[in-house]
C-alpha atoms as a PDB file:
ATOM      1  CA  MET A   1     -12.403  26.750 -17.339  1.00  0.00           C
ATOM      2  CA  GLU A   2     -10.412  25.348 -14.550  1.00  0.00           C
ATOM      3  CA  SER A   3      -7.024  26.827 -13.743  1.00  0.00           C
ATOM      4  CA  GLY A   4      -4.041  24.663 -14.121  1.00  0.00           C
ATOM      5  CA  TYR A   5      -2.342  26.095 -11.034  1.00  0.00           C
ATOM      6  CA  ILE A   6      -0.705  23.376  -9.053  1.00  0.00           C
ATOM      7  CA  SER A   7       0.519  23.911  -5.482  1.00  0.00           C
ATOM      8  CA  MET A   8       4.052  23.047  -4.627  1.00  0.00           C
ATOM      9  CA  LYS A   9       2.727  20.395  -2.289  1.00  0.00           C
ATOM     10  CA  LYS A  10       1.464  18.335  -5.245  1.00  0.00           C
ATOM     11  CA  CYS A  11       4.439  19.154  -7.548  1.00  0.00           C
ATOM     12  CA  LYS A  12       6.598  16.204  -8.121  1.00  0.00           C
ATOM     13  CA  GLN A  13       9.497  18.355  -9.212  1.00  0.00           C
ATOM     14  CA  CYS A  14      10.041  16.508 -12.528  1.00  0.00           C
ATOM     15  CA  GLY A  15      10.801  19.744 -14.214  1.00  0.00           C
ATOM     16  CA  ASP A  16       8.764  18.846 -17.258  1.00  0.00           C
ATOM     17  CA  CYS A  17       6.996  22.218 -17.129  1.00  0.00           C
ATOM     18  CA  CYS A  18      10.264  23.989 -17.647  1.00  0.00           C
ATOM     19  CA  LYS A  19      11.831  21.644 -20.204  1.00  0.00           C
ATOM     20  CA  ASN A  20       9.333  22.153 -23.001  1.00  0.00           C
ATOM     21  CA  LEU A  21       7.595  25.027 -24.720  1.00  0.00           C
ATOM     22  CA  ILE A  22       4.002  23.995 -25.256  1.00  0.00           C
ATOM     23  CA  LEU A  23       1.948  26.289 -27.594  1.00  0.00           C
ATOM     24  CA  PRO A  24      -1.577  25.975 -28.942  1.00  0.00           C
ATOM     25  CA  LEU A  25      -2.034  25.545 -32.697  1.00  0.00           C
ATOM     26  CA  THR A  26      -4.755  27.474 -34.405  1.00  0.00           C
ATOM     27  CA  GLN A  27      -7.958  25.669 -35.059  1.00  0.00           C
ATOM     28  CA  TYR A  28      -7.261  26.182 -38.782  1.00  0.00           C
ATOM     29  CA  ALA A  29      -4.133  24.083 -38.828  1.00  0.00           C
ATOM     30  CA  ASN A  30      -4.914  21.109 -41.026  1.00  0.00           C
ATOM     31  CA  ASP A  31      -3.282  17.815 -41.249  1.00  0.00           C
ATOM     32  CA  ASP A  32      -0.676  19.006 -43.727  1.00  0.00           C
ATOM     33  CA  VAL A  33       0.523  21.614 -41.287  1.00  0.00           C
ATOM     34  CA  LYS A  34       0.634  18.996 -38.519  1.00  0.00           C
ATOM     35  CA  LYS A  35       2.584  16.585 -40.770  1.00  0.00           C
ATOM     36  CA  TRP A  36       5.011  19.348 -41.706  1.00  0.00           C
ATOM     37  CA  LEU A  37       5.594  20.150 -38.102  1.00  0.00           C
ATOM     38  CA  GLU A  38       6.204  16.543 -37.193  1.00  0.00           C
ATOM     39  CA  TYR A  39       8.444  16.116 -40.108  1.00  0.00           C
ATOM     40  CA  HIS A  40      10.644  18.897 -38.765  1.00  0.00           C
ATOM     41  CA  GLY A  41      10.822  17.310 -35.336  1.00  0.00           C
ATOM     42  CA  VAL A  42       8.010  19.270 -33.584  1.00  0.00           C
ATOM     43  CA  GLU A  43       5.827  17.054 -31.506  1.00  0.00           C
ATOM     44  CA  VAL A  44       2.070  17.649 -32.115  1.00  0.00           C
ATOM     45  CA  ILE A  45      -0.322  16.815 -29.318  1.00  0.00           C
ATOM     46  CA  ASP A  46      -4.051  16.397 -30.155  1.00  0.00           C
ATOM     47  CA  LYS A  47      -6.243  16.820 -27.110  1.00  0.00           C
ATOM     48  CA  ASN A  48      -9.752  17.187 -28.557  1.00  0.00           C
ATOM     49  CA  PRO A  49     -10.790  19.835 -29.192  1.00  0.00           C
ATOM     50  CA  PHE A  50      -7.382  21.489 -28.856  1.00  0.00           C
ATOM     51  CA  THR A  51      -4.024  20.859 -30.635  1.00  0.00           C
ATOM     52  CA  TYR A  52      -0.670  21.844 -29.152  1.00  0.00           C
ATOM     53  CA  ILE A  53       2.945  21.759 -30.312  1.00  0.00           C
ATOM     54  CA  LYS A  54       5.685  20.679 -27.885  1.00  0.00           C
ATOM     55  CA  ILE A  55       9.194  22.133 -28.427  1.00  0.00           C
ATOM     56  CA  PRO A  56      12.084  20.966 -26.295  1.00  0.00           C
ATOM     57  CA  LEU A  57      13.410  24.151 -24.783  1.00  0.00           C
ATOM     58  CA  LYS A  58      14.818  24.255 -21.273  1.00  0.00           C
ATOM     59  CA  CYS A  59      14.128  27.299 -19.155  1.00  0.00           C
ATOM     60  CA  SER A  60      17.301  29.026 -17.841  1.00  0.00           C
ATOM     61  CA  LYS A  61      15.615  29.391 -14.471  1.00  0.00           C
ATOM     62  CA  LEU A  62      15.358  25.581 -13.951  1.00  0.00           C
ATOM     63  CA  VAL A  63      17.920  24.434 -11.355  1.00  0.00           C
ATOM     64  CA  ASN A  64      17.902  20.838 -10.150  1.00  0.00           C
ATOM     65  CA  ASN A  65      14.416  20.386 -11.585  1.00  0.00           C
ATOM     66  CA  LYS A  66      13.162  23.294  -9.415  1.00  0.00           C
ATOM     67  CA  CYS A  67      12.193  26.818 -10.547  1.00  0.00           C
ATOM     68  CA  SER A  68      14.725  29.206  -9.117  1.00  0.00           C
ATOM     69  CA  ILE A  69      12.245  32.101  -9.372  1.00  0.00           C
ATOM     70  CA  TYR A  70       9.118  30.213  -8.313  1.00  0.00           C
ATOM     71  CA  ASP A  71       7.622  32.992  -6.146  1.00  0.00           C
ATOM     72  CA  THR A  72       8.027  35.514  -8.980  1.00  0.00           C
ATOM     73  CA  ARG A  73       7.574  33.317 -11.997  1.00  0.00           C
ATOM     74  CA  PRO A  74       5.630  34.684 -15.079  1.00  0.00           C
ATOM     75  CA  GLU A  75       1.903  34.221 -15.414  1.00  0.00           C
ATOM     76  CA  THR A  76       2.449  31.714 -18.213  1.00  0.00           C
ATOM     77  CA  CYS A  77       4.286  29.500 -15.800  1.00  0.00           C
ATOM     78  CA  ARG A  78       1.620  29.971 -13.024  1.00  0.00           C
ATOM     79  CA  GLU A  79      -1.087  28.838 -15.444  1.00  0.00           C
ATOM     80  CA  TYR A  80       0.753  25.812 -16.738  1.00  0.00           C
ATOM     81  CA  PHE A  81      -1.340  22.681 -16.553  1.00  0.00           C
ATOM     82  CA  CYS A  82       0.705  19.642 -15.381  1.00  0.00           C
ATOM     83  CA  GLU A  83      -0.440  16.359 -16.825  1.00  0.00           C
ATOM     84  CA  ASN A  84       1.890  14.408 -14.395  1.00  0.00           C
ATOM     85  CA  LEU A  85      -0.316  15.031 -11.450  1.00  0.00           C
END
């Protein structure tokens, strides 16, 4: 699987990666679970064959749409796949 690592040269500094918490849903989450999540304001993203949930949650390290700890950011952040590029 290809890494989602994006170099700062390609980064558009939109800050989207730090404004949302995106988590994978289990493959066993059925349509009822997805509807329940959506009903409660959680965005469900279906990207066959995977499903994710997107929760608005701004990182405290985001300053002016830039990561203030970029060089030492956690592995999760390093592996984030940006769809805006």
